[in-house]
Amino acid sequence: MRAAVFRIAVEEWRLLRRDRVAALGLALLLLLSAVACFTAWEQRSSAAAARARYQAQVDHEFESQPERHPHRMVHYGHFVFRPLSPLAALDAGVDAYTGHTLYLEGHRQNSANFGDVRQSSLLLRFGQLTPAFVLQVLAPLLLIFLGHGALARERESGTLRLLLAQGIRPWQLVAGKVLALSGVAALALLPAWLALLWMAAATSAPGILLLTLALGYGLWLLLWALGIVALSACLARARDALVALLAVWSLGVVLLPRWAPELASASLALPTRFETDIAVARELAALGDSHNPDDPYFAEFRKQVLARYGVARVEDLPFNYKGLVGMEGERLSSALFARYAHASFERQAAQLQQLDRFAWLSPVLALRRLSMAAAGTDLQSYRRFVEQAEAHRYQLVQSLNRLQAEKLKFASDRSSRDNRISATHWQGMADFQYEPAPPAEALQRAAPAAVVLLSWLAALMGALALATHHLGRRTR
């Protein structure tokens, strides 16, 4: 029985090899996939090298600052650049849209800037030629053109009844067609799989995440192979199957994945940058002004500090009171900015949860969630970078405020131009080390998407079983 299935698959491959259009389409897809893998890796390597170079440059410039007042260094600020995962070459995810550079300074928390899309032409906004794009969008289209007539063609030519009359079981015929189309899908995946193998050997990318990507995209194209053969078994003419499959592809791969995010964004709209800035400014004004000695909050703060140390004047404190005020002001403003940032990320996470519901209608949405989570380019990875950078900014600014409190005398600290400390204090202070999420955490984020894809697999196998039964009854 297995030999019959394999013979049917071999015959199908022979027909595809004779079809010049099919051979040309497959060759073009392989070429596109190979070019996408190569260019994506080159772009990823260039971006990673540029960010590392810029990071080293700004680190050097920060450490090369001359003797300065610590508060001047607070306002001098610092840049940090988001490092790229090796797997970002396969799926760039949200990196091109969110930005990758943060400017760290006192009294405020900046959002990321310099996203690739913001600096590019409109052509980039229509989609980059990445391996993920080729496999998610173009590979199913090729499978449709190659496989839409798998069974409908047999029915139209009359060979279906002849095959069944010769003792071929309907399930053997369907299994052979699925095997043939799956073989084409495996060939389409070959450049990406080879690229993943090369990454496993040449980079530090976790093997379990590489395997997750390989299996995820393999499962995605298997879904299409099952669906194409099932529909081809149900419809009488190959032309009808082609039209129906193109409609499914247009709706499920192109329209719904673009429409669903707009719907989620409309139902849970994020406040604009302008609205957020106004709200933050109002709350900052209500908190108090650490630069104003007569501010009510900081007047009460001064009173509490004097009582705690049992002195009557700030001049009698064992440290520079101005540095302590700076630390308190930074603590208050940082908590405020962290609250707004947390609320924004939580709202974006709620939007994604709404988007996940559409994955039950369009599995490409689940595939994208899985792909970006494994590649380390999803929203959670970006949030991890922003939160680590903010923690680093807070520690840097507070360290500079502490230097003012401990290294400068209150009585002589009247001008940031005249009072300075040694430049040796800046050495190593601004170094930032990003810690990516462990593979287990990425797998945990990818798990719900994998469940959706496996559910689609079970549903399509059930549909194929029904189509096989229907095929046997119609040809009796």
Protein backbone atom coordinates (compact mmCIF):
# COMPACT_ATOMS: atom_id res chain seq x y z
CA MET A 1 0.00 0.00 0.00
CA ARG A 2 2.86 2.36 0.83
CA ALA A 3 4.42 1.54 -2.52
CA ALA A 4 1.21 2.64 -4.26
CA VAL A 5 1.24 5.95 -2.39
CA PHE A 6 4.85 6.55 -3.30
CA ARG A 7 4.25 5.66 -6.96
CA ILE A 8 1.42 8.16 -7.13
CA ALA A 9 3.68 10.82 -5.61
CA VAL A 10 6.48 10.01 -8.05
CA GLU A 11 4.06 10.27 -10.96
CA GLU A 12 2.89 13.65 -9.70
CA TRP A 13 6.47 14.89 -9.43
CA ARG A 14 7.12 13.63 -12.97
CA LEU A 15 4.18 15.65 -14.25
CA LEU A 16 5.38 18.75 -12.40
CA ARG A 17 8.86 18.33 -13.84
CA ARG A 18 7.42 18.25 -17.35
CA ASP A 19 5.38 21.36 -16.69
CA ARG A 20 7.67 24.24 -17.64
CA VAL A 21 5.52 26.80 -15.82
CA ALA A 22 5.65 24.76 -12.62
CA ALA A 23 9.40 24.24 -12.90
CA LEU A 24 9.96 27.95 -13.60
CA GLY A 25 7.76 28.97 -10.67
CA LEU A 26 9.57 26.66 -8.28
CA ALA A 27 12.95 27.83 -9.55
CA LEU A 28 11.93 31.48 -9.05
CA LEU A 29 10.75 30.79 -5.52
CA LEU A 30 13.98 28.99 -4.64
CA LEU A 31 15.96 31.88 -6.12
CA LEU A 32 13.89 34.43 -4.17
CA SER A 33 14.25 32.44 -0.97
CA ALA A 34 18.01 32.08 -1.41
CA VAL A 35 18.41 35.79 -2.23
CA ALA A 36 16.21 36.71 0.73
CA CYS A 37 18.30 34.57 3.10
CA PHE A 38 21.55 36.03 1.80
CA THR A 39 20.45 39.69 1.77
CA ALA A 40 18.67 39.41 5.13
CA TRP A 41 21.81 37.99 6.73
CA GLU A 42 23.94 40.71 5.13
CA GLN A 43 21.54 43.42 6.35
CA ARG A 44 21.38 41.90 9.81
CA SER A 45 25.19 41.64 10.00
CA SER A 46 25.64 45.22 8.75
CA ALA A 47 23.05 46.55 11.21
CA ALA A 48 24.58 44.62 14.11
CA ALA A 49 28.08 45.82 13.22
CA ALA A 50 26.87 49.44 12.85
CA ARG A 51 25.09 49.36 16.21
CA ALA A 52 28.13 47.82 17.92
CA ARG A 53 30.36 50.48 16.33
CA TYR A 54 28.06 53.32 17.36
CA GLN A 55 27.74 51.87 20.87
CA ALA A 56 31.53 51.73 21.23
CA GLN A 57 31.78 55.30 19.91
CA VAL A 58 29.23 56.79 22.32
CA ASP A 59 30.70 54.78 25.22
CA HIS A 60 34.12 56.22 24.38
CA GLU A 61 32.73 59.76 24.12
CA PHE A 62 31.01 59.44 27.48
CA GLU A 63 34.15 58.16 29.19
CA SER A 64 36.27 60.82 27.46
CA GLN A 65 34.36 63.68 29.05
CA PRO A 66 36.66 65.98 31.02
CA GLU A 67 36.25 66.91 34.66
CA ARG A 68 32.64 67.95 35.06
CA HIS A 69 29.97 68.62 37.59
CA PRO A 70 27.97 65.32 38.01
CA HIS A 71 24.69 67.06 37.17
CA ARG A 72 26.16 68.22 33.87
CA MET A 73 26.83 64.59 33.07
CA VAL A 74 23.20 63.81 33.94
CA HIS A 75 22.12 66.19 31.17
CA TYR A 76 24.94 65.11 28.83
CA GLY A 77 23.15 61.75 28.60
CA HIS A 78 24.07 58.60 26.77
CA PHE A 79 22.89 56.38 23.89
CA VAL A 80 22.22 52.64 23.94
CA PHE A 81 21.55 50.52 20.84
CA ARG A 82 19.43 47.40 20.76
CA PRO A 83 21.56 44.31 19.89
CA LEU A 84 20.22 42.02 17.17
CA SER A 85 19.56 38.31 17.57
CA PRO A 86 21.22 36.11 14.90
CA LEU A 87 17.74 34.78 14.07
CA ALA A 88 16.56 38.30 13.22
CA ALA A 89 17.98 37.57 9.75
CA LEU A 90 15.10 35.14 9.19
CA ASP A 91 12.36 37.34 10.62
CA ALA A 92 13.05 41.02 11.36
CA GLY A 93 9.75 41.28 13.25
CA VAL A 94 8.91 44.64 14.79
CA ASP A 95 12.49 45.89 14.90
CA ALA A 96 12.19 47.97 11.74
CA TYR A 97 9.12 49.76 13.12
CA THR A 98 9.84 50.23 16.84
CA GLY A 99 13.27 51.79 16.58
CA HIS A 100 16.50 50.53 18.10
CA THR A 101 18.18 53.49 19.79
CA LEU A 102 17.43 55.04 23.18
CA TYR A 103 18.79 58.32 24.45
CA LEU A 104 19.30 58.08 28.21
CA GLU A 105 19.13 61.32 30.15
CA GLY A 106 18.01 62.61 33.52
CA HIS A 107 14.44 63.61 34.38
CA ARG A 108 12.77 61.76 31.52
CA GLN A 109 12.35 58.42 29.76
CA ASN A 110 12.71 58.52 25.98
CA SER A 111 11.11 56.15 23.51
CA ALA A 112 13.16 54.29 20.93
CA ASN A 113 14.07 56.14 17.74
CA PHE A 114 15.58 55.53 14.33
CA GLY A 115 13.37 52.68 13.14
CA ASP A 116 14.38 51.57 9.66
CA VAL A 117 10.92 52.26 8.25
CA ARG A 118 11.00 55.86 9.47
CA GLN A 119 14.21 56.48 7.56
CA SER A 120 13.33 54.60 4.39
CA SER A 121 11.25 55.10 1.30
CA LEU A 122 7.68 53.92 0.94
CA LEU A 123 8.94 50.77 -0.79
CA LEU A 124 10.06 49.31 2.54
CA ARG A 125 6.61 49.81 4.02
CA PHE A 126 5.16 47.33 1.50
CA GLY A 127 7.27 44.59 3.04
CA GLN A 128 10.90 43.60 3.10
CA LEU A 129 12.13 40.66 1.09
CA THR A 130 12.94 38.46 4.06
CA PRO A 131 12.90 34.66 4.26
CA ALA A 132 9.85 34.97 6.54
CA PHE A 133 7.97 36.98 3.89
CA VAL A 134 8.82 34.50 1.14
CA LEU A 135 7.70 31.50 3.19
CA GLN A 136 4.63 33.12 4.71
CA VAL A 137 3.22 34.77 1.58
CA LEU A 138 4.83 33.53 -1.63
CA ALA A 139 5.41 29.82 -0.93
CA PRO A 140 1.66 29.06 -0.35
CA LEU A 141 0.89 30.83 -3.62
CA LEU A 142 3.29 28.57 -5.48
CA LEU A 143 1.77 25.48 -3.84
CA ILE A 144 -1.68 26.64 -4.97
CA PHE A 145 -0.60 26.95 -8.61
CA LEU A 146 1.18 23.60 -8.53
CA GLY A 147 -1.37 21.60 -6.57
CA HIS A 148 -4.83 22.98 -7.33
CA GLY A 149 -5.45 20.36 -10.00
CA ALA A 150 -4.00 17.43 -8.08
CA LEU A 151 -7.35 15.55 -7.96
CA ALA A 152 -9.64 17.84 -9.93
CA ARG A 153 -7.43 17.28 -12.97
CA GLU A 154 -7.74 13.50 -12.57
CA ARG A 155 -11.51 13.86 -12.41
CA GLU A 156 -11.69 16.13 -15.46
CA SER A 157 -9.54 13.80 -17.58
CA GLY A 158 -11.41 10.67 -16.45
CA THR A 159 -8.31 9.03 -14.98
CA LEU A 160 -9.68 9.22 -11.45
CA ARG A 161 -12.37 6.62 -12.10
CA LEU A 162 -9.85 4.51 -14.00
CA LEU A 163 -7.36 4.57 -11.13
CA LEU A 164 -10.00 3.58 -8.60
CA ALA A 165 -11.27 0.84 -10.89
CA GLN A 166 -7.74 -0.59 -10.98
CA GLY A 167 -7.80 -1.08 -7.20
CA ILE A 168 -6.22 2.15 -5.98
CA ARG A 169 -7.93 3.16 -2.77
CA PRO A 170 -9.12 6.78 -2.48
CA TRP A 171 -6.94 7.36 0.58
CA GLN A 172 -3.87 6.07 -1.29
CA LEU A 173 -4.53 8.48 -4.11
CA VAL A 174 -5.04 11.40 -1.72
CA ALA A 175 -2.00 10.43 0.38
CA GLY A 176 0.14 10.26 -2.75
CA LYS A 177 -1.00 13.74 -3.86
CA VAL A 178 -0.31 15.14 -0.36
CA LEU A 179 3.11 13.49 -0.33
CA ALA A 180 3.94 14.99 -3.73
CA LEU A 181 2.87 18.49 -2.73
CA SER A 182 4.62 18.18 0.64
CA GLY A 183 7.80 17.27 -1.23
CA VAL A 184 7.51 20.50 -3.23
CA ALA A 185 6.92 22.41 0.03
CA ALA A 186 10.04 20.81 1.54
CA LEU A 187 12.01 21.90 -1.51
CA ALA A 188 10.69 25.44 -1.10
CA LEU A 189 11.82 25.36 2.52
CA LEU A 190 15.29 24.07 1.67
CA PRO A 191 17.10 27.47 1.45
CA ALA A 192 15.65 28.58 4.79
CA TRP A 193 16.45 25.26 6.45
CA LEU A 194 20.03 25.41 5.11
CA ALA A 195 20.31 28.97 6.43
CA LEU A 196 19.12 27.80 9.85
CA LEU A 197 21.63 24.96 9.80
CA TRP A 198 24.37 27.43 8.98
CA MET A 199 23.25 29.71 11.83
CA ALA A 200 23.33 26.72 14.20
CA ALA A 201 26.94 26.06 13.23
CA ALA A 202 28.22 29.64 12.92
CA THR A 203 26.35 31.59 15.58
CA SER A 204 25.35 31.28 19.22
CA ALA A 205 21.63 31.04 18.38
CA PRO A 206 19.92 28.45 20.65
CA GLY A 207 19.31 25.18 18.82
CA ILE A 208 15.82 24.76 20.25
CA LEU A 209 14.74 28.09 18.74
CA LEU A 210 16.24 27.16 15.37
CA LEU A 211 14.32 23.89 15.50
CA THR A 212 11.13 25.74 16.45
CA LEU A 213 11.46 27.98 13.39
CA ALA A 214 12.20 25.04 11.09
CA LEU A 215 9.22 23.04 12.39
CA GLY A 216 6.92 26.07 12.44
CA TYR A 217 7.44 26.93 8.78
CA GLY A 218 7.31 23.23 7.85
CA LEU A 219 3.95 22.94 9.60
CA TRP A 220 2.71 26.09 7.84
CA LEU A 221 3.39 24.71 4.35
CA LEU A 222 2.02 21.28 5.34
CA LEU A 223 -1.26 23.01 6.21
CA TRP A 224 -1.40 24.40 2.70
CA ALA A 225 -0.58 21.02 1.13
CA LEU A 226 -3.45 19.40 3.05
CA GLY A 227 -5.89 22.21 2.31
CA ILE A 228 -5.05 22.35 -1.40
CA VAL A 229 -5.50 18.60 -1.91
CA ALA A 230 -8.72 18.59 0.15
CA LEU A 231 -10.24 21.38 -1.91
CA SER A 232 -9.04 19.84 -5.15
CA ALA A 233 -10.79 16.60 -4.12
CA CYS A 234 -14.07 18.40 -3.47
CA LEU A 235 -14.37 20.54 -6.60
CA ALA A 236 -15.20 19.15 -10.00
CA ARG A 237 -12.91 21.35 -12.10
CA ALA A 238 -9.31 22.43 -11.60
CA ARG A 239 -10.23 25.98 -12.57
CA ASP A 240 -12.80 26.14 -9.76
CA ALA A 241 -10.23 24.81 -7.29
CA LEU A 242 -7.73 27.44 -8.41
CA VAL A 243 -10.21 30.29 -8.02
CA ALA A 244 -11.32 29.06 -4.59
CA LEU A 245 -7.74 28.60 -3.34
CA LEU A 246 -6.70 32.04 -4.59
CA ALA A 247 -9.66 33.52 -2.73
CA VAL A 248 -8.60 31.70 0.45
CA TRP A 249 -5.00 32.90 0.02
CA SER A 250 -6.06 36.51 -0.63
CA LEU A 251 -8.36 36.58 2.36
CA GLY A 252 -6.25 34.57 4.81
CA VAL A 253 -2.72 35.66 3.94
CA VAL A 254 -3.15 39.20 2.59
CA LEU A 255 -6.40 40.87 3.63
CA LEU A 256 -7.19 39.50 7.10
CA PRO A 257 -3.63 39.91 8.50
CA ARG A 258 -3.75 43.57 7.43
CA TRP A 259 -7.31 44.24 8.50
CA ALA A 260 -7.14 42.50 11.91
CA PRO A 261 -4.41 44.77 13.40
CA GLU A 262 -6.37 47.83 12.29
CA LEU A 263 -9.46 46.49 14.05
CA ALA A 264 -7.50 45.71 17.23
CA SER A 265 -5.89 49.15 17.12
CA ALA A 266 -9.26 50.84 16.66
CA SER A 267 -10.93 48.97 19.52
CA LEU A 268 -7.99 49.54 21.91
CA ALA A 269 -6.49 52.77 20.65
CA LEU A 270 -3.19 53.93 22.07
CA PRO A 271 -2.89 57.56 23.13
CA THR A 272 -0.84 59.65 20.73
CA ARG A 273 2.66 60.84 21.59
CA PHE A 274 1.32 64.38 21.98
CA GLU A 275 -1.45 63.30 24.39
CA THR A 276 1.00 61.28 26.47
CA ASP A 277 3.49 64.16 26.66
CA ILE A 278 0.76 66.51 27.91
CA ALA A 279 -0.47 64.05 30.54
CA VAL A 280 3.07 63.34 31.76
CA ALA A 281 3.90 67.05 31.93
CA ARG A 282 0.81 67.71 34.04
CA GLU A 283 1.65 64.94 36.49
CA LEU A 284 5.29 66.02 36.65
CA ALA A 285 4.19 69.54 37.57
CA ALA A 286 2.00 68.11 40.31
CA LEU A 287 4.86 66.01 41.70
CA GLY A 288 7.09 69.00 42.38
CA ASP A 289 10.19 70.66 40.98
CA SER A 290 13.46 69.36 42.39
CA HIS A 291 15.26 72.43 40.96
CA ASN A 292 13.00 74.78 42.94
CA PRO A 293 14.02 75.02 46.64
CA ASP A 294 10.61 76.53 47.52
CA ASP A 295 8.58 73.73 45.98
CA PRO A 296 6.06 72.43 48.62
CA TYR A 297 6.92 68.76 48.17
CA PHE A 298 10.67 69.30 48.34
CA ALA A 299 10.30 71.74 51.24
CA GLU A 300 8.61 68.92 53.18
CA PHE A 301 11.27 66.49 51.96
CA ARG A 302 14.01 68.85 53.29
CA LYS A 303 12.24 69.06 56.64
CA GLN A 304 12.12 65.26 56.93
CA VAL A 305 15.80 64.87 56.00
CA LEU A 306 16.88 67.46 58.59
CA ALA A 307 14.78 65.72 61.25
CA ARG A 308 16.23 62.31 60.34
CA TYR A 309 19.83 63.54 60.76
CA GLY A 310 19.04 65.80 63.77
CA VAL A 311 20.37 69.03 62.24
CA ALA A 312 18.79 72.42 61.64
CA ARG A 313 20.41 73.37 58.31
CA VAL A 314 21.16 71.48 55.11
CA GLU A 315 24.72 72.84 55.40
CA ASP A 316 25.18 70.63 58.48
CA LEU A 317 24.23 67.38 56.71
CA PRO A 318 27.10 64.88 56.18
CA PHE A 319 26.52 65.00 52.41
CA ASN A 320 25.62 67.45 49.68
CA TYR A 321 21.88 68.00 50.01
CA LYS A 322 21.56 68.99 46.33
CA GLY A 323 22.63 65.51 45.24
CA LEU A 324 20.02 63.97 47.56
CA VAL A 325 17.33 66.24 46.10
CA GLY A 326 18.38 65.16 42.62
CA MET A 327 18.04 61.49 43.61
CA GLU A 328 14.58 62.06 45.08
CA GLY A 329 13.41 64.00 42.01
CA GLU A 330 14.72 61.27 39.72
CA ARG A 331 12.96 58.59 41.79
CA LEU A 332 9.63 60.39 41.47
CA SER A 333 9.88 61.18 37.77
CA SER A 334 11.17 57.70 36.89
CA ALA A 335 8.24 56.06 38.67
CA LEU A 336 5.86 58.29 36.72
CA PHE A 337 7.46 57.50 33.35
CA ALA A 338 7.60 53.78 34.21
CA ARG A 339 3.87 53.81 34.99
CA TYR A 340 3.04 55.35 31.60
CA ALA A 341 5.40 52.98 29.78
CA HIS A 342 3.93 49.97 31.56
CA ALA A 343 0.39 51.08 30.68
CA SER A 344 1.37 51.54 27.03
CA PHE A 345 2.97 48.09 26.79
CA GLU A 346 0.03 46.47 28.54
CA ARG A 347 -2.36 48.08 26.07
CA GLN A 348 -0.26 46.86 23.15
CA ALA A 349 -0.28 43.37 24.72
CA ALA A 350 -4.08 43.57 24.91
CA GLN A 351 -4.15 44.51 21.22
CA LEU A 352 -2.04 41.44 20.44
CA GLN A 353 -4.43 39.25 22.43
CA GLN A 354 -7.27 40.54 20.28
CA LEU A 355 -5.18 39.89 17.19
CA ASP A 356 -4.55 36.30 18.36
CA ARG A 357 -8.28 35.57 18.07
CA PHE A 358 -8.06 36.16 14.32
CA ALA A 359 -5.40 33.44 14.12
CA TRP A 360 -8.25 30.91 14.32
CA LEU A 361 -9.39 32.35 10.97
CA SER A 362 -5.97 33.10 9.50
CA PRO A 363 -3.18 30.79 10.74
CA VAL A 364 -0.52 33.04 9.22
CA LEU A 365 -1.08 35.33 12.22
CA ALA A 366 -0.18 32.45 14.53
CA LEU A 367 2.84 31.64 12.39
CA ARG A 368 4.04 35.25 12.67
CA ARG A 369 3.70 35.21 16.45
CA LEU A 370 5.66 31.96 16.62
CA SER A 371 8.30 33.17 14.18
CA MET A 372 8.92 36.52 15.88
CA ALA A 373 8.99 34.96 19.37
CA ALA A 374 11.59 32.37 18.29
CA ALA A 375 13.62 34.98 16.38
CA GLY A 376 13.60 37.39 19.34
CA THR A 377 12.02 40.17 17.30
CA ASP A 378 8.53 40.33 18.82
CA LEU A 379 7.02 43.05 20.98
CA GLN A 380 8.02 41.29 24.21
CA SER A 381 11.68 41.25 23.13
CA TYR A 382 11.49 44.95 22.32
CA ARG A 383 9.86 45.63 25.69
CA ARG A 384 12.62 43.67 27.41
CA PHE A 385 15.21 45.93 25.77
CA VAL A 386 13.35 49.14 26.68
CA GLU A 387 12.88 48.09 30.31
CA GLN A 388 16.50 47.01 30.71
CA ALA A 389 17.66 50.27 29.14
CA GLU A 390 15.39 52.24 31.48
CA ALA A 391 16.77 50.36 34.51
CA HIS A 392 20.26 51.18 33.25
CA ARG A 393 19.32 54.85 32.74
CA TYR A 394 17.94 55.09 36.28
CA GLN A 395 21.05 53.51 37.77
CA LEU A 396 23.33 55.78 35.71
CA VAL A 397 21.51 58.98 36.66
CA GLN A 398 21.28 58.02 40.32
CA SER A 399 24.99 57.15 40.36
CA LEU A 400 25.78 60.64 39.04
CA ASN A 401 23.45 62.22 41.61
CA ARG A 402 25.15 60.17 44.32
CA LEU A 403 28.54 61.45 43.15
CA GLN A 404 27.22 65.00 43.58
CA ALA A 405 26.02 64.15 47.09
CA GLU A 406 29.25 62.46 48.15
CA LYS A 407 32.02 64.24 46.21
CA LEU A 408 30.92 67.87 46.38
CA LYS A 409 30.31 70.08 49.43
CA PHE A 410 26.95 71.81 49.69
CA ALA A 411 28.49 75.15 50.65
CA SER A 412 30.74 75.31 47.58
CA ASP A 413 28.31 73.63 45.14
CA ARG A 414 26.84 76.84 43.71
CA SER A 415 27.68 76.52 40.04
CA SER A 416 27.92 73.45 37.85
CA ARG A 417 30.54 75.31 35.82
CA ASP A 418 32.92 75.90 38.67
CA ASN A 419 32.49 72.71 40.69
CA ARG A 420 33.79 69.56 39.05
CA ILE A 421 34.97 66.09 39.95
CA SER A 422 37.60 63.86 38.37
CA ALA A 423 36.94 62.36 34.93
CA THR A 424 37.94 58.93 36.30
CA HIS A 425 34.42 58.63 37.72
CA TRP A 426 32.93 58.25 34.21
CA GLN A 427 34.99 55.14 33.41
CA GLY A 428 32.72 52.12 32.92
CA MET A 429 29.74 53.92 34.41
CA ALA A 430 27.63 53.96 31.22
CA ASP A 431 28.37 50.42 29.95
CA PHE A 432 25.13 48.67 29.01
CA GLN A 433 24.77 44.90 28.64
CA TYR A 434 21.49 43.66 27.17
CA GLU A 435 20.36 40.25 28.43
CA PRO A 436 18.12 38.48 25.88
CA ALA A 437 15.29 36.28 27.10
CA PRO A 438 16.23 32.63 27.78
CA PRO A 439 15.01 30.16 25.12
CA ALA A 440 12.42 28.72 27.54
CA GLU A 441 10.73 32.12 27.78
CA ALA A 442 10.63 32.51 24.00
CA LEU A 443 9.16 29.02 23.67
CA GLN A 444 6.52 29.88 26.24
CA ARG A 445 5.47 32.89 24.16
CA ALA A 446 5.43 30.77 20.99
CA ALA A 447 3.40 27.93 22.56
CA PRO A 448 -0.10 29.46 22.06
CA ALA A 449 0.66 30.08 18.39
CA ALA A 450 1.89 26.50 18.02
CA VAL A 451 -1.38 25.26 19.54
CA VAL A 452 -3.33 27.24 16.93
CA LEU A 453 -1.25 25.80 14.09
CA LEU A 454 -1.63 22.25 15.41
CA SER A 455 -5.38 22.79 15.74
CA TRP A 456 -5.46 23.88 12.10
CA LEU A 457 -3.50 20.72 11.23
CA ALA A 458 -6.08 18.54 13.00
CA ALA A 459 -8.97 20.39 11.34
CA LEU A 460 -7.46 20.09 7.86
CA MET A 461 -6.70 16.40 8.36
CA GLY A 462 -10.34 15.93 9.30
CA ALA A 463 -11.42 17.89 6.24
CA LEU A 464 -9.12 15.79 4.07
CA ALA A 465 -10.59 12.59 5.52
CA LEU A 466 -14.08 13.81 4.66
CA ALA A 467 -12.94 14.82 1.19
CA THR A 468 -11.39 11.36 0.69
CA HIS A 469 -14.62 9.68 1.72
CA HIS A 470 -16.54 12.00 -0.59
CA LEU A 471 -14.13 11.20 -3.42
CA GLY A 472 -14.75 7.45 -3.06
CA ARG A 473 -18.51 7.82 -3.05
CA ARG A 474 -18.66 10.10 -6.09
CA THR A 475 -16.60 7.77 -8.26
CA ARG A 476 -18.52 4.55 -7.52
